[in-house]
Amino acid sequence: QVQLVQSGGGLVQPGGSLRLSCAASGITFNIYNMGWYRQAPGKQRELVAISRSVGSTDYAESVKGRFTISRDNAKSTVYLQMNSLKPEDTAVYYCNAGGTYSVFGRYWGQGTQVTVSS
């Protein structure tokens, strides 16, 4: 049984930082692309960042230079470090396994709320 268990998130002021974690089980983690998506109210779910099994990463233009995706294959965990947060980053964030830059994968985390507000 595949599980993606997220942690982190919460309320932060504009300009602040948060780190999200996603621990995977039931998959051979090191061969999976791992992504972070987000969905704001009334909007479609969008890719934030992807960490490919081969080691490369990609980011949405809106978060480049502020967010960093990383992974620890030994711990089967992917992280999203979010700095210089803006109110428009407010959304539910989901981790995802098995996707590409254009198509999300089959497995999802439970989602975690990130709220950026003063």
N, C-alpha and C. Protein backbone atom coordinates (compact mmCIF):
# COMPACT_ATOMS: atom_id res chain seq x y z
N GLN A 1 0.85 -1.19 0.00
CA GLN A 1 0.00 0.00 0.00
C GLN A 1 0.89 1.24 0.00
N VAL A 2 0.63 2.13 -0.96
CA VAL A 2 1.41 3.34 -1.07
C VAL A 2 0.84 4.41 -0.16
N GLN A 3 1.72 5.06 0.58
CA GLN A 3 1.31 6.17 1.42
C GLN A 3 2.29 7.32 1.25
N LEU A 4 1.75 8.51 1.13
CA LEU A 4 2.54 9.74 1.14
C LEU A 4 2.00 10.57 2.31
N VAL A 5 2.82 10.74 3.33
CA VAL A 5 2.38 11.42 4.54
C VAL A 5 3.09 12.76 4.66
N GLN A 6 2.32 13.81 4.61
CA GLN A 6 2.86 15.16 4.63
C GLN A 6 2.91 15.73 6.05
N SER A 7 3.86 16.63 6.25
CA SER A 7 3.93 17.38 7.48
C SER A 7 4.46 18.78 7.17
N GLY A 8 4.26 19.67 8.12
CA GLY A 8 4.66 21.06 7.92
C GLY A 8 3.46 21.89 7.53
N GLY A 9 3.71 23.08 7.10
CA GLY A 9 2.63 23.98 6.73
C GLY A 9 2.18 24.81 7.92
N GLY A 10 1.14 25.60 7.69
CA GLY A 10 0.60 26.44 8.74
C GLY A 10 0.46 27.88 8.31
N LEU A 11 0.44 28.76 9.30
CA LEU A 11 0.25 30.19 9.06
C LEU A 11 1.58 30.91 9.21
N VAL A 12 1.89 31.76 8.25
CA VAL A 12 3.15 32.51 8.29
C VAL A 12 2.89 33.91 7.74
N GLN A 13 3.67 34.87 8.21
CA GLN A 13 3.54 36.24 7.70
C GLN A 13 4.23 36.37 6.36
N PRO A 14 3.82 37.33 5.56
CA PRO A 14 4.52 37.58 4.28
C PRO A 14 6.01 37.80 4.53
N GLY A 15 6.80 37.20 3.65
CA GLY A 15 8.25 37.26 3.80
C GLY A 15 8.84 36.14 4.63
N GLY A 16 7.99 35.37 5.27
CA GLY A 16 8.44 34.29 6.12
C GLY A 16 8.76 33.02 5.35
N SER A 17 9.11 31.98 6.11
CA SER A 17 9.52 30.70 5.52
C SER A 17 8.77 29.55 6.18
N LEU A 18 8.60 28.50 5.39
CA LEU A 18 8.05 27.24 5.89
C LEU A 18 8.73 26.11 5.15
N ARG A 19 8.74 24.94 5.78
CA ARG A 19 9.22 23.74 5.10
C ARG A 19 8.18 22.65 5.19
N LEU A 20 7.88 22.08 4.05
CA LEU A 20 6.98 20.94 3.97
C LEU A 20 7.79 19.66 3.77
N SER A 21 7.29 18.59 4.35
CA SER A 21 7.91 17.27 4.18
C SER A 21 6.87 16.28 3.69
N CYS A 22 7.33 15.29 2.98
CA CYS A 22 6.44 14.24 2.49
C CYS A 22 7.21 12.92 2.55
N ALA A 23 6.79 12.05 3.46
CA ALA A 23 7.44 10.75 3.64
C ALA A 23 6.65 9.69 2.89
N ALA A 24 7.35 8.96 2.04
CA ALA A 24 6.70 7.94 1.21
C ALA A 24 6.98 6.54 1.73
N SER A 25 6.01 5.67 1.55
CA SER A 25 6.18 4.25 1.82
C SER A 25 5.41 3.46 0.78
N GLY A 26 5.85 2.23 0.56
CA GLY A 26 5.17 1.39 -0.41
C GLY A 26 5.61 1.56 -1.85
N ILE A 27 6.60 2.43 -2.08
CA ILE A 27 7.16 2.61 -3.42
C ILE A 27 8.67 2.56 -3.32
N THR A 28 9.30 2.26 -4.45
CA THR A 28 10.76 2.34 -4.53
C THR A 28 11.09 3.79 -4.79
N PHE A 29 11.28 4.52 -3.72
CA PHE A 29 11.30 5.99 -3.76
C PHE A 29 12.31 6.53 -4.76
N ASN A 30 13.50 5.94 -4.80
CA ASN A 30 14.57 6.56 -5.59
C ASN A 30 14.32 6.51 -7.10
N ILE A 31 13.36 5.73 -7.55
CA ILE A 31 13.08 5.68 -8.99
C ILE A 31 11.86 6.52 -9.38
N TYR A 32 11.27 7.19 -8.39
CA TYR A 32 10.07 7.99 -8.64
C TYR A 32 10.42 9.48 -8.74
N ASN A 33 9.82 10.14 -9.72
CA ASN A 33 9.78 11.60 -9.69
C ASN A 33 8.83 12.01 -8.57
N MET A 34 9.22 13.03 -7.82
CA MET A 34 8.39 13.52 -6.73
C MET A 34 8.08 14.99 -6.96
N GLY A 35 6.82 15.33 -6.81
CA GLY A 35 6.42 16.71 -7.07
C GLY A 35 5.61 17.30 -5.93
N TRP A 36 5.60 18.60 -5.91
CA TRP A 36 4.72 19.36 -5.02
C TRP A 36 3.75 20.16 -5.89
N TYR A 37 2.48 20.07 -5.55
CA TYR A 37 1.42 20.82 -6.22
C TYR A 37 0.72 21.69 -5.18
N ARG A 38 -0.03 22.64 -5.67
CA ARG A 38 -0.86 23.44 -4.75
C ARG A 38 -2.18 23.78 -5.42
N GLN A 39 -3.17 24.00 -4.58
CA GLN A 39 -4.48 24.38 -5.09
C GLN A 39 -5.07 25.45 -4.19
N ALA A 40 -5.28 26.61 -4.77
CA ALA A 40 -5.90 27.71 -4.05
C ALA A 40 -7.42 27.65 -4.29
N PRO A 41 -8.20 28.27 -3.42
CA PRO A 41 -9.66 28.24 -3.57
C PRO A 41 -10.08 28.79 -4.94
N GLY A 42 -10.92 28.02 -5.62
CA GLY A 42 -11.43 28.46 -6.91
C GLY A 42 -10.46 28.32 -8.07
N LYS A 43 -9.30 27.73 -7.81
CA LYS A 43 -8.29 27.58 -8.87
C LYS A 43 -7.96 26.11 -9.08
N GLN A 44 -7.36 25.85 -10.23
CA GLN A 44 -6.94 24.48 -10.53
C GLN A 44 -5.67 24.15 -9.76
N ARG A 45 -5.48 22.86 -9.54
CA ARG A 45 -4.26 22.40 -8.92
C ARG A 45 -3.11 22.63 -9.90
N GLU A 46 -2.00 23.16 -9.40
CA GLU A 46 -0.87 23.48 -10.26
C GLU A 46 0.43 22.94 -9.69
N LEU A 47 1.33 22.62 -10.60
CA LEU A 47 2.65 22.14 -10.19
C LEU A 47 3.45 23.29 -9.60
N VAL A 48 4.08 23.03 -8.47
CA VAL A 48 4.97 23.99 -7.85
C VAL A 48 6.42 23.65 -8.16
N ALA A 49 6.77 22.39 -7.94
CA ALA A 49 8.15 21.96 -8.15
C ALA A 49 8.18 20.45 -8.34
N ILE A 50 9.19 20.00 -9.07
CA ILE A 50 9.35 18.57 -9.28
C ILE A 50 10.81 18.19 -9.11
N SER A 51 11.03 17.06 -8.46
CA SER A 51 12.36 16.49 -8.28
C SER A 51 12.37 15.16 -9.02
N ARG A 52 13.15 15.09 -10.07
CA ARG A 52 13.15 13.87 -10.86
C ARG A 52 14.10 12.83 -10.27
N SER A 53 13.83 11.59 -10.56
CA SER A 53 14.64 10.50 -10.03
C SER A 53 16.08 10.61 -10.52
N VAL A 54 16.29 11.23 -11.67
CA VAL A 54 17.64 11.36 -12.21
C VAL A 54 18.40 12.51 -11.59
N GLY A 55 17.72 13.30 -10.74
CA GLY A 55 18.42 14.34 -10.00
C GLY A 55 18.10 15.76 -10.40
N SER A 56 17.42 15.96 -11.52
CA SER A 56 17.11 17.32 -11.94
C SER A 56 15.84 17.82 -11.25
N THR A 57 15.68 19.13 -11.27
CA THR A 57 14.51 19.76 -10.67
C THR A 57 13.94 20.81 -11.62
N ASP A 58 12.67 21.13 -11.43
CA ASP A 58 12.03 22.21 -12.17
C ASP A 58 11.04 22.90 -11.25
N TYR A 59 10.77 24.16 -11.56
CA TYR A 59 9.89 24.97 -10.72
C TYR A 59 8.91 25.75 -11.58
N ALA A 60 7.77 26.04 -10.98
CA ALA A 60 6.86 26.99 -11.59
C ALA A 60 7.53 28.36 -11.59
N GLU A 61 7.25 29.15 -12.61
CA GLU A 61 7.89 30.47 -12.70
C GLU A 61 7.60 31.31 -11.46
N SER A 62 6.42 31.15 -10.92
CA SER A 62 5.99 32.00 -9.79
C SER A 62 6.78 31.74 -8.51
N VAL A 63 7.48 30.61 -8.43
CA VAL A 63 8.20 30.29 -7.19
C VAL A 63 9.70 30.20 -7.38
N LYS A 64 10.16 30.35 -8.61
CA LYS A 64 11.60 30.25 -8.87
C LYS A 64 12.37 31.27 -8.05
N GLY A 65 13.45 30.81 -7.44
CA GLY A 65 14.27 31.68 -6.61
C GLY A 65 13.79 31.80 -5.19
N ARG A 66 12.59 31.31 -4.90
CA ARG A 66 12.05 31.39 -3.53
C ARG A 66 11.86 30.02 -2.91
N PHE A 67 11.47 29.04 -3.71
CA PHE A 67 11.20 27.69 -3.22
C PHE A 67 12.31 26.75 -3.67
N THR A 68 12.59 25.76 -2.84
CA THR A 68 13.58 24.74 -3.18
C THR A 68 13.02 23.37 -2.86
N ILE A 69 13.02 22.49 -3.85
CA ILE A 69 12.62 21.10 -3.63
C ILE A 69 13.89 20.27 -3.46
N SER A 70 13.82 19.34 -2.51
CA SER A 70 14.95 18.44 -2.30
C SER A 70 14.41 17.09 -1.86
N ARG A 71 15.27 16.09 -1.92
CA ARG A 71 14.83 14.76 -1.55
C ARG A 71 15.95 14.03 -0.83
N ASP A 72 15.56 13.15 0.06
CA ASP A 72 16.49 12.29 0.77
C ASP A 72 16.05 10.86 0.46
N ASN A 73 16.73 10.22 -0.48
CA ASN A 73 16.31 8.89 -0.90
C ASN A 73 16.46 7.87 0.23
N ALA A 74 17.42 8.07 1.10
CA ALA A 74 17.61 7.14 2.21
C ALA A 74 16.43 7.17 3.18
N LYS A 75 15.77 8.32 3.26
CA LYS A 75 14.61 8.47 4.14
C LYS A 75 13.29 8.43 3.38
N SER A 76 13.36 8.26 2.06
CA SER A 76 12.15 8.24 1.21
C SER A 76 11.30 9.48 1.47
N THR A 77 11.94 10.61 1.53
CA THR A 77 11.25 11.85 1.88
C THR A 77 11.63 12.95 0.90
N VAL A 78 10.63 13.73 0.53
CA VAL A 78 10.84 14.91 -0.31
C VAL A 78 10.42 16.14 0.49
N TYR A 79 11.15 17.22 0.28
CA TYR A 79 10.93 18.45 1.03
C TYR A 79 10.63 19.60 0.08
N LEU A 80 9.95 20.60 0.61
CA LEU A 80 9.77 21.84 -0.11
C LEU A 80 10.07 22.98 0.86
N GLN A 81 11.20 23.63 0.65
CA GLN A 81 11.56 24.79 1.45
C GLN A 81 11.00 26.02 0.77
N MET A 82 10.19 26.76 1.48
CA MET A 82 9.52 27.93 0.91
C MET A 82 9.98 29.17 1.65
N ASN A 83 10.64 30.05 0.94
CA ASN A 83 11.14 31.31 1.51
C ASN A 83 10.45 32.49 0.84
N SER A 84 10.56 33.64 1.47
CA SER A 84 9.98 34.87 0.92
C SER A 84 8.53 34.65 0.51
N LEU A 85 7.78 34.06 1.39
CA LEU A 85 6.40 33.71 1.07
C LEU A 85 5.54 34.95 0.85
N LYS A 86 4.61 34.81 -0.08
CA LYS A 86 3.69 35.88 -0.44
C LYS A 86 2.26 35.43 -0.19
N PRO A 87 1.35 36.37 -0.01
CA PRO A 87 -0.06 35.98 0.18
C PRO A 87 -0.59 35.10 -0.95
N GLU A 88 -0.11 35.31 -2.15
CA GLU A 88 -0.58 34.49 -3.27
C GLU A 88 -0.05 33.06 -3.24
N ASP A 89 0.83 32.76 -2.31
CA ASP A 89 1.27 31.37 -2.11
C ASP A 89 0.28 30.58 -1.25
N THR A 90 -0.70 31.26 -0.71
CA THR A 90 -1.70 30.59 0.13
C THR A 90 -2.46 29.54 -0.68
N ALA A 91 -2.45 28.32 -0.19
CA ALA A 91 -3.08 27.21 -0.90
C ALA A 91 -2.96 25.94 -0.05
N VAL A 92 -3.63 24.90 -0.49
CA VAL A 92 -3.37 23.57 0.03
C VAL A 92 -2.28 22.96 -0.84
N TYR A 93 -1.24 22.47 -0.20
CA TYR A 93 -0.10 21.90 -0.90
C TYR A 93 -0.16 20.38 -0.80
N TYR A 94 0.12 19.73 -1.94
CA TYR A 94 0.06 18.28 -2.02
C TYR A 94 1.38 17.74 -2.57
N CYS A 95 1.87 16.66 -2.00
CA CYS A 95 2.97 15.98 -2.67
C CYS A 95 2.41 14.89 -3.57
N ASN A 96 3.20 14.55 -4.57
CA ASN A 96 2.74 13.64 -5.61
C ASN A 96 3.90 12.76 -6.07
N ALA A 97 3.62 11.51 -6.34
CA ALA A 97 4.66 10.58 -6.78
C ALA A 97 4.34 10.05 -8.16
N GLY A 98 5.35 10.02 -8.99
CA GLY A 98 5.24 9.34 -10.28
C GLY A 98 4.90 10.21 -11.46
N GLY A 99 4.86 11.51 -11.29
CA GLY A 99 4.47 12.37 -12.39
C GLY A 99 5.63 12.91 -13.19
N THR A 100 5.29 13.77 -14.13
CA THR A 100 6.27 14.51 -14.90
C THR A 100 5.95 15.99 -14.75
N TYR A 101 6.67 16.85 -15.47
CA TYR A 101 6.39 18.28 -15.37
C TYR A 101 4.98 18.59 -15.84
N SER A 102 4.48 17.81 -16.80
CA SER A 102 3.20 18.12 -17.43
C SER A 102 2.03 17.31 -16.89
N VAL A 103 2.31 16.17 -16.30
CA VAL A 103 1.25 15.26 -15.89
C VAL A 103 1.52 14.79 -14.46
N PHE A 104 0.52 14.90 -13.61
CA PHE A 104 0.74 14.44 -12.23
C PHE A 104 0.69 12.92 -12.17
N GLY A 105 1.34 12.41 -11.13
CA GLY A 105 1.42 10.97 -10.95
C GLY A 105 0.23 10.40 -10.21
N ARG A 106 0.30 9.14 -9.98
CA ARG A 106 -0.84 8.39 -9.45
C ARG A 106 -1.07 8.60 -7.97
N TYR A 107 -0.03 8.88 -7.23
CA TYR A 107 -0.13 8.87 -5.77
C TYR A 107 -0.05 10.29 -5.20
N TRP A 108 -0.92 10.54 -4.19
CA TRP A 108 -1.01 11.86 -3.58
C TRP A 108 -0.87 11.80 -2.07
N GLY A 109 -0.29 12.84 -1.52
CA GLY A 109 -0.34 13.04 -0.09
C GLY A 109 -1.69 13.60 0.32
N GLN A 110 -1.86 13.77 1.62
CA GLN A 110 -3.18 14.16 2.14
C GLN A 110 -3.44 15.66 2.02
N GLY A 111 -2.42 16.42 1.70
CA GLY A 111 -2.58 17.86 1.58
C GLY A 111 -2.32 18.56 2.90
N THR A 112 -1.76 19.77 2.80
CA THR A 112 -1.52 20.56 3.99
C THR A 112 -1.73 22.04 3.66
N GLN A 113 -2.37 22.74 4.55
CA GLN A 113 -2.71 24.14 4.31
C GLN A 113 -1.51 25.03 4.61
N VAL A 114 -1.23 25.92 3.67
CA VAL A 114 -0.25 26.99 3.87
C VAL A 114 -0.99 28.31 3.71
N THR A 115 -0.94 29.12 4.73
CA THR A 115 -1.60 30.42 4.70
C THR A 115 -0.57 31.50 4.97
N VAL A 116 -0.49 32.44 4.04
CA VAL A 116 0.46 33.55 4.17
C VAL A 116 -0.37 34.81 4.38
N SER A 117 -0.29 35.34 5.58
CA SER A 117 -1.13 36.48 5.93
C SER A 117 -0.54 37.23 7.10
N SER A 118 -0.75 38.54 7.11
CA SER A 118 -0.30 39.34 8.24
C SER A 118 -1.44 39.50 9.26
